[in-house]
Amino acid sequence: MTMKKFKLKYGDVSTFTSATPSGVVDYLRNNSRYPMSGEDVFLRSAAESANNWCGSNIRFDSKENFAQDLMNAGMLEEVVK
């Protein structure tokens, strides 16, 4: 599986590597002060926070939809060299 580099422009701008954009959820959760007990709870909280940050609707029904909405809002992008 090929790892890709992604830039997250949410809070502090940061980069991470993942095979897919949905790896942003793991990145956010691993770097959160409040990772929550379950992924679904964390995803809902992260979507609400991202929605407040950018003003776009961010879905939290799956990691893939969450990542796609962040990309559509310009908050997440793949870094292409």
C-alpha atoms as a PDB file:
ATOM      1  CA  MET A   1       0.000   0.000   0.000  1.00  0.00           C
ATOM      2  CA  THR A   2       1.416   3.346  -1.037  1.00  0.00           C
ATOM      3  CA  MET A   3       1.577   6.012   1.617  1.00  0.00           C
ATOM      4  CA  LYS A   4       0.634   9.545   0.625  1.00  0.00           C
ATOM      5  CA  LYS A   5       1.281  12.859   2.295  1.00  0.00           C
ATOM      6  CA  PHE A   6      -1.656  15.039   3.338  1.00  0.00           C
ATOM      7  CA  LYS A   7      -1.843  18.598   4.646  1.00  0.00           C
ATOM      8  CA  LEU A   8      -4.441  19.406   7.258  1.00  0.00           C
ATOM      9  CA  LYS A   9      -5.378  23.090   7.450  1.00  0.00           C
ATOM     10  CA  TYR A  10      -7.466  22.872  10.577  1.00  0.00           C
ATOM     11  CA  GLY A  11      -6.210  24.590  13.692  1.00  0.00           C
ATOM     12  CA  ASP A  12      -2.465  24.444  13.222  1.00  0.00           C
ATOM     13  CA  VAL A  13      -1.420  23.477   9.694  1.00  0.00           C
ATOM     14  CA  SER A  14       0.196  20.057   9.850  1.00  0.00           C
ATOM     15  CA  THR A  15       1.090  17.171   7.589  1.00  0.00           C
ATOM     16  CA  PHE A  16       0.771  13.433   8.007  1.00  0.00           C
ATOM     17  CA  THR A  17       1.112  10.305   5.904  1.00  0.00           C
ATOM     18  CA  SER A  18      -1.612   7.780   5.246  1.00  0.00           C
ATOM     19  CA  ALA A  19      -2.691   5.393   2.517  1.00  0.00           C
ATOM     20  CA  THR A  20      -6.009   7.260   2.179  1.00  0.00           C
ATOM     21  CA  PRO A  21      -7.419  10.637   3.161  1.00  0.00           C
ATOM     22  CA  SER A  22      -9.546   8.947   5.839  1.00  0.00           C
ATOM     23  CA  GLY A  23      -6.337   8.503   7.846  1.00  0.00           C
ATOM     24  CA  VAL A  24      -6.996  12.075   8.964  1.00  0.00           C
ATOM     25  CA  VAL A  25      -9.342  10.684  11.626  1.00  0.00           C
ATOM     26  CA  ASP A  26      -6.586   8.554  13.155  1.00  0.00           C
ATOM     27  CA  TYR A  27      -4.172  11.487  12.931  1.00  0.00           C
ATOM     28  CA  LEU A  28      -6.615  13.841  14.666  1.00  0.00           C
ATOM     29  CA  ARG A  29      -7.515  11.311  17.312  1.00  0.00           C
ATOM     30  CA  ASN A  30      -3.887  10.396  18.075  1.00  0.00           C
ATOM     31  CA  ASN A  31      -3.029  14.079  18.481  1.00  0.00           C
ATOM     32  CA  SER A  32      -6.120  15.121  20.415  1.00  0.00           C
ATOM     33  CA  ARG A  33      -6.206  16.152  24.035  1.00  0.00           C
ATOM     34  CA  TYR A  34      -9.648  14.558  24.157  1.00  0.00           C
ATOM     35  CA  PRO A  35      -9.606  11.390  22.014  1.00  0.00           C
ATOM     36  CA  MET A  36     -12.969  10.207  23.459  1.00  0.00           C
ATOM     37  CA  SER A  37     -13.732   6.614  24.302  1.00  0.00           C
ATOM     38  CA  GLY A  38     -15.125   5.546  20.937  1.00  0.00           C
ATOM     39  CA  GLU A  39     -14.312   6.467  17.363  1.00  0.00           C
ATOM     40  CA  ASP A  40     -17.928   7.345  16.562  1.00  0.00           C
ATOM     41  CA  VAL A  41     -18.071   9.817  19.470  1.00  0.00           C
ATOM     42  CA  PHE A  42     -14.751  11.335  18.428  1.00  0.00           C
ATOM     43  CA  LEU A  43     -15.831  11.585  14.785  1.00  0.00           C
ATOM     44  CA  ARG A  44     -19.034  13.419  15.725  1.00  0.00           C
ATOM     45  CA  SER A  45     -17.092  15.851  17.920  1.00  0.00           C
ATOM     46  CA  ALA A  46     -14.411  16.414  15.266  1.00  0.00           C
ATOM     47  CA  ALA A  47     -17.071  17.034  12.592  1.00  0.00           C
ATOM     48  CA  GLU A  48     -18.806  19.586  14.805  1.00  0.00           C
ATOM     49  CA  SER A  49     -15.515  21.347  15.478  1.00  0.00           C
ATOM     50  CA  ALA A  50     -14.537  21.339  11.787  1.00  0.00           C
ATOM     51  CA  ASN A  51     -17.988  22.618  10.837  1.00  0.00           C
ATOM     52  CA  ASN A  52     -17.577  25.512  13.271  1.00  0.00           C
ATOM     53  CA  TRP A  53     -14.108  26.216  11.870  1.00  0.00           C
ATOM     54  CA  CYS A  54     -15.027  26.317   8.175  1.00  0.00           C
ATOM     55  CA  GLY A  55     -18.793  26.826   8.071  1.00  0.00           C
ATOM     56  CA  SER A  56     -19.334  23.779   5.831  1.00  0.00           C
ATOM     57  CA  ASN A  57     -21.344  20.698   6.677  1.00  0.00           C
ATOM     58  CA  ILE A  58     -18.963  17.916   7.684  1.00  0.00           C
ATOM     59  CA  ARG A  59     -20.451  14.421   7.788  1.00  0.00           C
ATOM     60  CA  PHE A  60     -19.486  12.024  10.581  1.00  0.00           C
ATOM     61  CA  ASP A  61     -21.176   8.806   9.440  1.00  0.00           C
ATOM     62  CA  SER A  62     -17.858   7.385   8.187  1.00  0.00           C
ATOM     63  CA  LYS A  63     -14.162   8.235   8.122  1.00  0.00           C
ATOM     64  CA  GLU A  64     -14.323   8.410   4.327  1.00  0.00           C
ATOM     65  CA  ASN A  65     -17.189  10.919   4.253  1.00  0.00           C
ATOM     66  CA  PHE A  66     -15.554  12.997   6.972  1.00  0.00           C
ATOM     67  CA  ALA A  67     -12.294  13.156   5.007  1.00  0.00           C
ATOM     68  CA  GLN A  68     -14.097  13.903   1.727  1.00  0.00           C
ATOM     69  CA  ASP A  69     -15.983  16.789   3.319  1.00  0.00           C
ATOM     70  CA  LEU A  70     -12.750  18.194   4.774  1.00  0.00           C
ATOM     71  CA  MET A  71     -11.232  18.025   1.290  1.00  0.00           C
ATOM     72  CA  ASN A  72     -14.285  19.684  -0.270  1.00  0.00           C
ATOM     73  CA  ALA A  73     -14.045  22.469   2.324  1.00  0.00           C
ATOM     74  CA  GLY A  74     -10.340  23.017   1.550  1.00  0.00           C
ATOM     75  CA  MET A  75      -9.250  21.896   5.009  1.00  0.00           C
ATOM     76  CA  LEU A  76      -7.493  18.732   3.841  1.00  0.00           C
ATOM     77  CA  GLU A  77      -5.452  18.220   0.703  1.00  0.00           C
ATOM     78  CA  GLU A  78      -3.086  15.655  -0.718  1.00  0.00           C
ATOM     79  CA  VAL A  79       0.441  16.990  -1.087  1.00  0.00           C
ATOM     80  CA  VAL A  80       1.627  16.204  -4.593  1.00  0.00           C
ATOM     81  CA  LYS A  81       5.300  16.770  -5.252  1.00  0.00           C
END
